[in-house]
PDB file of N, CA and C in Angstrom:
ATOM      1  N   UNK A   1      37.273   2.955 -22.586  1.00  0.00           N
ATOM      2  CA  UNK A   1      37.296   3.252 -21.167  1.00  0.00           C
ATOM      3  C   UNK A   1      36.220   4.284 -20.819  1.00  0.00           C
ATOM      4  N   UNK A   2      36.099   5.297 -21.653  1.00  0.00           N
ATOM      5  CA  UNK A   2      35.108   6.354 -21.415  1.00  0.00           C
ATOM      6  C   UNK A   2      33.689   5.789 -21.438  1.00  0.00           C
ATOM      7  N   UNK A   3      33.429   4.915 -22.387  1.00  0.00           N
ATOM      8  CA  UNK A   3      32.102   4.307 -22.496  1.00  0.00           C
ATOM      9  C   UNK A   3      31.792   3.453 -21.263  1.00  0.00           C
ATOM     10  N   UNK A   4      32.781   2.744 -20.762  1.00  0.00           N
ATOM     11  CA  UNK A   4      32.591   1.928 -19.568  1.00  0.00           C
ATOM     12  C   UNK A   4      32.251   2.810 -18.359  1.00  0.00           C
ATOM     13  N   UNK A   5      32.918   3.960 -18.230  1.00  0.00           N
ATOM     14  CA  UNK A   5      32.633   4.882 -17.133  1.00  0.00           C
ATOM     15  C   UNK A   5      31.215   5.428 -17.251  1.00  0.00           C
ATOM     16  N   UNK A   6      30.796   5.772 -18.470  1.00  0.00           N
ATOM     17  CA  UNK A   6      29.444   6.294 -18.687  1.00  0.00           C
ATOM     18  C   UNK A   6      28.394   5.244 -18.325  1.00  0.00           C
ATOM     19  N   UNK A   7      28.645   4.003 -18.740  1.00  0.00           N
ATOM     20  CA  UNK A   7      27.716   2.924 -18.404  1.00  0.00           C
ATOM     21  C   UNK A   7      27.643   2.705 -16.895  1.00  0.00           C
ATOM     22  N   UNK A   8      28.788   2.765 -16.241  1.00  0.00           N
ATOM     23  CA  UNK A   8      28.832   2.610 -14.791  1.00  0.00           C
ATOM     24  C   UNK A   8      28.037   3.720 -14.110  1.00  0.00           C
ATOM     25  N   UNK A   9      28.232   4.961 -14.543  1.00  0.00           N
ATOM     26  CA  UNK A   9      27.508   6.093 -13.964  1.00  0.00           C
ATOM     27  C   UNK A   9      26.009   5.966 -14.215  1.00  0.00           C
ATOM     28  N   UNK A  10      25.637   5.546 -15.415  1.00  0.00           N
ATOM     29  CA  UNK A  10      24.231   5.366 -15.753  1.00  0.00           C
ATOM     30  C   UNK A  10      23.613   4.283 -14.867  1.00  0.00           C
ATOM     31  N   UNK A  11      24.324   3.175 -14.707  1.00  0.00           N
ATOM     32  CA  UNK A  11      23.839   2.078 -13.865  1.00  0.00           C
ATOM     33  C   UNK A  11      23.667   2.514 -12.418  1.00  0.00           C
ATOM     34  N   UNK A  12      24.621   3.233 -11.901  1.00  0.00           N
ATOM     35  CA  UNK A  12      24.557   3.722 -10.529  1.00  0.00           C
ATOM     36  C   UNK A  12      23.370   4.668 -10.354  1.00  0.00           C
ATOM     37  N   UNK A  13      23.199   5.560 -11.303  1.00  0.00           N
ATOM     38  CA  UNK A  13      22.082   6.512 -11.250  1.00  0.00           C
ATOM     39  C   UNK A  13      20.743   5.786 -11.301  1.00  0.00           C
ATOM     40  N   UNK A  14      20.641   4.801 -12.161  1.00  0.00           N
ATOM     41  CA  UNK A  14      19.402   4.041 -12.292  1.00  0.00           C
ATOM     42  C   UNK A  14      19.086   3.279 -11.005  1.00  0.00           C
ATOM     43  N   UNK A  15      20.075   2.653 -10.412  1.00  0.00           N
ATOM     44  CA  UNK A  15      19.864   1.927  -9.152  1.00  0.00           C
ATOM     45  C   UNK A  15      19.426   2.869  -8.039  1.00  0.00           C
ATOM     46  N   UNK A  16      19.982   4.068  -7.991  1.00  0.00           N
ATOM     47  CA  UNK A  16      19.613   5.042  -6.982  1.00  0.00           C
ATOM     48  C   UNK A  16      18.154   5.458  -7.167  1.00  0.00           C
ATOM     49  N   UNK A  17      17.748   5.704  -8.415  1.00  0.00           N
ATOM     50  CA  UNK A  17      16.361   6.094  -8.698  1.00  0.00           C
ATOM     51  C   UNK A  17      15.391   4.976  -8.337  1.00  0.00           C
ATOM     52  N   UNK A  18      15.722   3.762  -8.699  1.00  0.00           N
ATOM     53  CA  UNK A  18      14.852   2.623  -8.390  1.00  0.00           C
ATOM     54  C   UNK A  18      14.725   2.452  -6.882  1.00  0.00           C
ATOM     55  N   UNK A  19      15.806   2.602  -6.172  1.00  0.00           N
ATOM     56  CA  UNK A  19      15.790   2.472  -4.724  1.00  0.00           C
ATOM     57  C   UNK A  19      14.878   3.533  -4.096  1.00  0.00           C
ATOM     58  N   UNK A  20      14.961   4.757  -4.577  1.00  0.00           N
ATOM     59  CA  UNK A  20      14.100   5.826  -4.055  1.00  0.00           C
ATOM     60  C   UNK A  20      12.641   5.567  -4.378  1.00  0.00           C
ATOM     61  N   UNK A  21      12.359   5.106  -5.581  1.00  0.00           N
ATOM     62  CA  UNK A  21      10.983   4.791  -5.972  1.00  0.00           C
ATOM     63  C   UNK A  21      10.435   3.644  -5.124  1.00  0.00           C
ATOM     64  N   UNK A  22      11.271   2.657  -4.864  1.00  0.00           N
ATOM     65  CA  UNK A  22      10.862   1.516  -4.043  1.00  0.00           C
ATOM     66  C   UNK A  22      10.531   1.979  -2.623  1.00  0.00           C
ATOM     67  N   UNK A  23      11.344   2.849  -2.082  1.00  0.00           N
ATOM     68  CA  UNK A  23      11.099   3.361  -0.731  1.00  0.00           C
ATOM     69  C   UNK A  23       9.789   4.139  -0.695  1.00  0.00           C
ATOM     70  N   UNK A  24       9.519   4.925  -1.713  1.00  0.00           N
ATOM     71  CA  UNK A  24       8.270   5.682  -1.786  1.00  0.00           C
ATOM     72  C   UNK A  24       7.070   4.741  -1.854  1.00  0.00           C
ATOM     73  N   UNK A  25       7.165   3.707  -2.662  1.00  0.00           N
ATOM     74  CA  UNK A  25       6.091   2.730  -2.780  1.00  0.00           C
ATOM     75  C   UNK A  25       5.880   2.000  -1.456  1.00  0.00           C
ATOM     76  N   UNK A  26       6.952   1.661  -0.787  1.00  0.00           N
ATOM     77  CA  UNK A  26       6.866   0.992   0.515  1.00  0.00           C
ATOM     78  C   UNK A  26       6.150   1.886   1.531  1.00  0.00           C
ATOM     79  N   UNK A  27       6.466   3.174   1.543  1.00  0.00           N
ATOM     80  CA  UNK A  27       5.804   4.105   2.457  1.00  0.00           C
ATOM     81  C   UNK A  27       4.319   4.239   2.120  1.00  0.00           C
ATOM     82  N   UNK A  28       3.991   4.272   0.841  1.00  0.00           N
ATOM     83  CA  UNK A  28       2.587   4.334   0.437  1.00  0.00           C
ATOM     84  C   UNK A  28       1.837   3.081   0.863  1.00  0.00           C
ATOM     85  N   UNK A  29       2.478   1.939   0.767  1.00  0.00           N
ATOM     86  CA  UNK A  29       1.848   0.679   1.172  1.00  0.00           C
ATOM     87  C   UNK A  29       1.570   0.680   2.674  1.00  0.00           C
ATOM     88  N   UNK A  30       2.507   1.173   3.452  1.00  0.00           N
ATOM     89  CA  UNK A  30       2.323   1.254   4.902  1.00  0.00           C
ATOM     90  C   UNK A  30       1.184   2.220   5.233  1.00  0.00           C
ATOM     91  N   UNK A  31       1.133   3.333   4.539  1.00  0.00           N
ATOM     92  CA  UNK A  31       0.070   4.311   4.743  1.00  0.00           C
ATOM     93  C   UNK A  31      -1.292   3.716   4.384  1.00  0.00           C
ATOM     94  N   UNK A  32      -1.332   2.956   3.289  1.00  0.00           N
ATOM     95  CA  UNK A  32      -2.574   2.303   2.861  1.00  0.00           C
ATOM     96  C   UNK A  32      -3.065   1.341   3.933  1.00  0.00           C
ATOM     97  N   UNK A  33      -2.162   0.545   4.445  1.00  0.00           N
ATOM     98  CA  UNK A  33      -2.502  -0.428   5.474  1.00  0.00           C
ATOM     99  C   UNK A  33      -3.038   0.276   6.724  1.00  0.00           C
ATOM    100  N   UNK A  34      -2.420   1.359   7.097  1.00  0.00           N
ATOM    101  CA  UNK A  34      -2.858   2.136   8.252  1.00  0.00           C
ATOM    102  C   UNK A  34      -4.247   2.729   8.011  1.00  0.00           C
ATOM    103  N   UNK A  35      -4.486   3.208   6.816  1.00  0.00           N
ATOM    104  CA  UNK A  35      -5.795   3.775   6.473  1.00  0.00           C
ATOM    105  C   UNK A  35      -6.891   2.721   6.551  1.00  0.00           C
ATOM    106  N   UNK A  36      -6.598   1.528   6.089  1.00  0.00           N
ATOM    107  CA  UNK A  36      -7.578   0.436   6.142  1.00  0.00           C
ATOM    108  C   UNK A  36      -7.928   0.134   7.600  1.00  0.00           C
ATOM    109  N   UNK A  37      -6.922   0.048   8.454  1.00  0.00           N
ATOM    110  CA  UNK A  37      -7.179  -0.215   9.878  1.00  0.00           C
ATOM    111  C   UNK A  37      -8.031   0.895  10.498  1.00  0.00           C
ATOM    112  N   UNK A  38      -7.707   2.136  10.151  1.00  0.00           N
ATOM    113  CA  UNK A  38      -8.438   3.276  10.701  1.00  0.00           C
ATOM    114  C   UNK A  38      -9.903   3.257  10.241  1.00  0.00           C
ATOM    115  N   UNK A  39     -10.140   2.992   8.962  1.00  0.00           N
ATOM    116  CA  UNK A  39     -11.517   2.946   8.443  1.00  0.00           C
ATOM    117  C   UNK A  39     -12.292   1.805   9.094  1.00  0.00           C
ATOM    118  N   UNK A  40     -11.661   0.653   9.245  1.00  0.00           N
ATOM    119  CA  UNK A  40     -12.329  -0.470   9.912  1.00  0.00           C
ATOM    120  C   UNK A  40     -12.708  -0.106  11.349  1.00  0.00           C
ATOM    121  N   UNK A  41     -11.830   0.566  12.033  1.00  0.00           N
ATOM    122  CA  UNK A  41     -12.107   0.977  13.403  1.00  0.00           C
ATOM    123  C   UNK A  41     -13.280   1.953  13.455  1.00  0.00           C
ATOM    124  N   UNK A  42     -13.313   2.887  12.542  1.00  0.00           N
ATOM    125  CA  UNK A  42     -14.400   3.860  12.485  1.00  0.00           C
ATOM    126  C   UNK A  42     -15.726   3.153  12.208  1.00  0.00           C
ATOM    127  N   UNK A  43     -15.711   2.230  11.254  1.00  0.00           N
ATOM    128  CA  UNK A  43     -16.934   1.481  10.927  1.00  0.00           C
ATOM    129  C   UNK A  43     -17.421   0.723  12.159  1.00  0.00           C
ATOM    130  N   UNK A  44     -16.527   0.029  12.838  1.00  0.00           N
ATOM    131  CA  UNK A  44     -16.903  -0.724  14.043  1.00  0.00           C
ATOM    132  C   UNK A  44     -17.487   0.184  15.115  1.00  0.00           C
ATOM    133  N   UNK A  45     -16.875   1.318  15.287  1.00  0.00           N
ATOM    134  CA  UNK A  45     -17.346   2.272  16.286  1.00  0.00           C
ATOM    135  C   UNK A  45     -18.737   2.794  15.933  1.00  0.00           C
ATOM    136  N   UNK A  46     -18.951   3.109  14.672  1.00  0.00           N
ATOM    137  CA  UNK A  46     -20.257   3.611  14.247  1.00  0.00           C
ATOM    138  C   UNK A  46     -21.347   2.549  14.398  1.00  0.00           C
ATOM    139  N   UNK A  47     -21.003   1.314  14.110  1.00  0.00           N
ATOM    140  CA  UNK A  47     -21.968   0.223  14.280  1.00  0.00           C
ATOM    141  C   UNK A  47     -22.285   0.052  15.764  1.00  0.00           C
ATOM    142  N   UNK A  48     -21.270   0.076  16.604  1.00  0.00           N
ATOM    143  CA  UNK A  48     -21.472  -0.086  18.044  1.00  0.00           C
ATOM    144  C   UNK A  48     -22.347   1.027  18.622  1.00  0.00           C
ATOM    145  N   UNK A  49     -22.212   2.211  18.060  1.00  0.00           N
ATOM    146  CA  UNK A  49     -23.018   3.350  18.518  1.00  0.00           C
ATOM    147  C   UNK A  49     -24.375   3.418  17.818  1.00  0.00           C
ATOM    148  N   UNK A  50     -24.627   2.425  16.971  1.00  0.00           N
ATOM    149  CA  UNK A  50     -25.867   2.360  16.196  1.00  0.00           C
ATOM    150  C   UNK A  50     -26.072   3.576  15.299  1.00  0.00           C
ATOM    151  N   UNK A  51     -24.946   4.101  14.813  1.00  0.00           N
ATOM    152  CA  UNK A  51     -24.987   5.227  13.890  1.00  0.00           C
ATOM    153  C   UNK A  51     -24.813   4.778  12.439  1.00  0.00           C
ATOM    154  N   UNK A  52     -24.517   3.481  12.268  1.00  0.00           N
ATOM    155  CA  UNK A  52     -24.338   2.907  10.936  1.00  0.00           C
ATOM    156  C   UNK A  52     -25.025   1.555  10.895  1.00  0.00           C
ATOM    157  N   UNK A  53     -25.826   1.367   9.875  1.00  0.00           N
ATOM    158  CA  UNK A  53     -26.544   0.115   9.678  1.00  0.00           C
ATOM    159  C   UNK A  53     -25.561  -1.029   9.428  1.00  0.00           C
ATOM    160  N   UNK A  54     -25.841  -2.183  10.008  1.00  0.00           N
ATOM    161  CA  UNK A  54     -24.963  -3.356   9.852  1.00  0.00           C
ATOM    162  C   UNK A  54     -24.807  -3.769   8.389  1.00  0.00           C
ATOM    163  N   UNK A  55     -25.890  -3.678   7.618  1.00  0.00           N
ATOM    164  CA  UNK A  55     -25.814  -4.059   6.200  1.00  0.00           C
ATOM    165  C   UNK A  55     -24.882  -3.133   5.436  1.00  0.00           C
ATOM    166  N   UNK A  56     -24.964  -1.843   5.712  1.00  0.00           N
ATOM    167  CA  UNK A  56     -24.079  -0.879   5.062  1.00  0.00           C
ATOM    168  C   UNK A  56     -22.639  -1.090   5.523  1.00  0.00           C
ATOM    169  N   UNK A  57     -22.469  -1.362   6.801  1.00  0.00           N
ATOM    170  CA  UNK A  57     -21.134  -1.640   7.339  1.00  0.00           C
ATOM    171  C   UNK A  57     -20.539  -2.872   6.659  1.00  0.00           C
ATOM    172  N   UNK A  58     -21.367  -3.882   6.431  1.00  0.00           N
ATOM    173  CA  UNK A  58     -20.913  -5.099   5.762  1.00  0.00           C
ATOM    174  C   UNK A  58     -20.474  -4.796   4.324  1.00  0.00           C
ATOM    175  N   UNK A  59     -21.219  -3.938   3.646  1.00  0.00           N
ATOM    176  CA  UNK A  59     -20.848  -3.554   2.276  1.00  0.00           C
ATOM    177  C   UNK A  59     -19.520  -2.806   2.270  1.00  0.00           C
ATOM    178  N   UNK A  60     -19.339  -1.901   3.243  1.00  0.00           N
ATOM    179  CA  UNK A  60     -18.075  -1.178   3.339  1.00  0.00           C
ATOM    180  C   UNK A  60     -16.919  -2.149   3.594  1.00  0.00           C
ATOM    181  N   UNK A  61     -17.146  -3.123   4.460  1.00  0.00           N
ATOM    182  CA  UNK A  61     -16.112  -4.118   4.755  1.00  0.00           C
ATOM    183  C   UNK A  61     -15.756  -4.911   3.499  1.00  0.00           C
ATOM    184  N   UNK A  62     -16.755  -5.264   2.707  1.00  0.00           N
ATOM    185  CA  UNK A  62     -16.500  -5.970   1.438  1.00  0.00           C
ATOM    186  C   UNK A  62     -15.659  -5.107   0.503  1.00  0.00           C
ATOM    187  N   UNK A  63     -15.985  -3.823   0.428  1.00  0.00           N
ATOM    188  CA  UNK A  63     -15.211  -2.908  -0.411  1.00  0.00           C
ATOM    189  C   UNK A  63     -13.763  -2.814   0.059  1.00  0.00           C
ATOM    190  N   UNK A  64     -13.583  -2.727   1.374  1.00  0.00           N
ATOM    191  CA  UNK A  64     -12.228  -2.687   1.928  1.00  0.00           C
ATOM    192  C   UNK A  64     -11.476  -3.978   1.597  1.00  0.00           C
ATOM    193  N   UNK A  65     -12.159  -5.104   1.731  1.00  0.00           N
ATOM    194  CA  UNK A  65     -11.522  -6.396   1.450  1.00  0.00           C
ATOM    195  C   UNK A  65     -11.129  -6.496  -0.018  1.00  0.00           C
ATOM    196  N   UNK A  66     -11.970  -5.986  -0.898  1.00  0.00           N
ATOM    197  CA  UNK A  66     -11.631  -5.993  -2.339  1.00  0.00           C
ATOM    198  C   UNK A  66     -10.395  -5.143  -2.600  1.00  0.00           C
ATOM    199  N   UNK A  67     -10.335  -3.980  -1.956  1.00  0.00           N
ATOM    200  CA  UNK A  67      -9.162  -3.116  -2.127  1.00  0.00           C
ATOM    201  C   UNK A  67      -7.896  -3.810  -1.649  1.00  0.00           C
ATOM    202  N   UNK A  68      -8.000  -4.498  -0.518  1.00  0.00           N
ATOM    203  CA  UNK A  68      -6.852  -5.237   0.018  1.00  0.00           C
ATOM    204  C   UNK A  68      -6.426  -6.337  -0.945  1.00  0.00           C
ATOM    205  N   UNK A  69      -7.396  -7.051  -1.501  1.00  0.00           N
ATOM    206  CA  UNK A  69      -7.083  -8.130  -2.445  1.00  0.00           C
ATOM    207  C   UNK A  69      -6.394  -7.607  -3.699  1.00  0.00           C
ATOM    208  N   UNK A  70      -6.856  -6.468  -4.187  1.00  0.00           N
ATOM    209  CA  UNK A  70      -6.234  -5.874  -5.381  1.00  0.00           C
ATOM    210  C   UNK A  70      -4.754  -5.630  -5.126  1.00  0.00           C
ATOM    211  N   UNK A  71      -4.461  -5.080  -3.950  1.00  0.00           N
ATOM    212  CA  UNK A  71      -3.071  -4.790  -3.611  1.00  0.00           C
ATOM    213  C   UNK A  71      -2.300  -6.070  -3.306  1.00  0.00           C
ATOM    214  N   UNK A  72      -2.880  -6.941  -2.501  1.00  0.00           N
ATOM    215  CA  UNK A  72      -2.180  -8.156  -2.062  1.00  0.00           C
ATOM    216  C   UNK A  72      -1.859  -9.099  -3.213  1.00  0.00           C
ATOM    217  N   UNK A  73      -2.698  -9.102  -4.237  1.00  0.00           N
ATOM    218  CA  UNK A  73      -2.473  -9.999  -5.360  1.00  0.00           C
ATOM    219  C   UNK A  73      -1.709  -9.332  -6.506  1.00  0.00           C
ATOM    220  N   UNK A  74      -1.426  -8.067  -6.358  1.00  0.00           N
ATOM    221  CA  UNK A  74      -0.735  -7.332  -7.411  1.00  0.00           C
ATOM    222  C   UNK A  74       0.748  -7.217  -7.150  1.00  0.00           C
ATOM    223  N   UNK A  75       1.383  -6.443  -7.995  1.00  0.00           N
ATOM    224  CA  UNK A  75       2.829  -6.253  -7.914  1.00  0.00           C
ATOM    225  C   UNK A  75       3.273  -5.512  -6.665  1.00  0.00           C
ATOM    226  N   UNK A  76       2.375  -4.716  -6.085  1.00  0.00           N
ATOM    227  CA  UNK A  76       2.754  -3.932  -4.912  1.00  0.00           C
ATOM    228  C   UNK A  76       2.849  -4.770  -3.639  1.00  0.00           C
ATOM    229  N   UNK A  77       2.347  -5.995  -3.678  1.00  0.00           N
ATOM    230  CA  UNK A  77       2.323  -6.851  -2.477  1.00  0.00           C
ATOM    231  C   UNK A  77       3.717  -7.012  -1.860  1.00  0.00           C
ATOM    232  N   UNK A  78       4.731  -7.021  -2.664  1.00  0.00           N
ATOM    233  CA  UNK A  78       6.093  -7.210  -2.167  1.00  0.00           C
ATOM    234  C   UNK A  78       6.561  -6.056  -1.275  1.00  0.00           C
ATOM    235  N   UNK A  79       5.864  -4.937  -1.346  1.00  0.00           N
ATOM    236  CA  UNK A  79       6.298  -3.770  -0.586  1.00  0.00           C
ATOM    237  C   UNK A  79       5.602  -3.607   0.748  1.00  0.00           C
ATOM    238  N   UNK A  80       4.640  -4.491   1.052  1.00  0.00           N
ATOM    239  CA  UNK A  80       3.980  -4.449   2.339  1.00  0.00           C
ATOM    240  C   UNK A  80       4.853  -5.109   3.376  1.00  0.00           C
ATOM    241  N   UNK A  81       4.795  -4.612   4.613  1.00  0.00           N
ATOM    242  CA  UNK A  81       5.600  -5.233   5.675  1.00  0.00           C
ATOM    243  C   UNK A  81       5.183  -6.702   5.851  1.00  0.00           C
ATOM    244  N   UNK A  82       6.148  -7.515   6.139  1.00  0.00           N
ATOM    245  CA  UNK A  82       5.868  -8.942   6.360  1.00  0.00           C
ATOM    246  C   UNK A  82       5.038  -9.107   7.612  1.00  0.00           C
ATOM    247  N   UNK A  83       4.110 -10.058   7.580  1.00  0.00           N
ATOM    248  CA  UNK A  83       3.260 -10.322   8.743  1.00  0.00           C
ATOM    249  C   UNK A  83       3.934 -11.349   9.618  1.00  0.00           C
TER     250      UNK A  83
END
C-alpha cells in the first residue's frame, strides 16, 4: 500500500512538472511568433523608408523563414497556437 501511494505521489508530481514545462514552452513559442512579426514589420518599414537595401532585406527574410521552418518542423511545433 505504501509503495502504491509513493508511486501515485511521484506520478502526480511528474505530471505537474510536465504541465508547467509545457506552459513555459507554449509561452516561449508565442513570444517567438510575436518577435518574428515585429522583425518583419521593422524590415518592411526600413525598406519603405529606403533605409535598408532590398537585397539585404530579402536575406533577412530568408533567415527568418529558416528559423520558422526549424521550429515548425521540430518538436516545438505542437506548442504554437493553431492557425
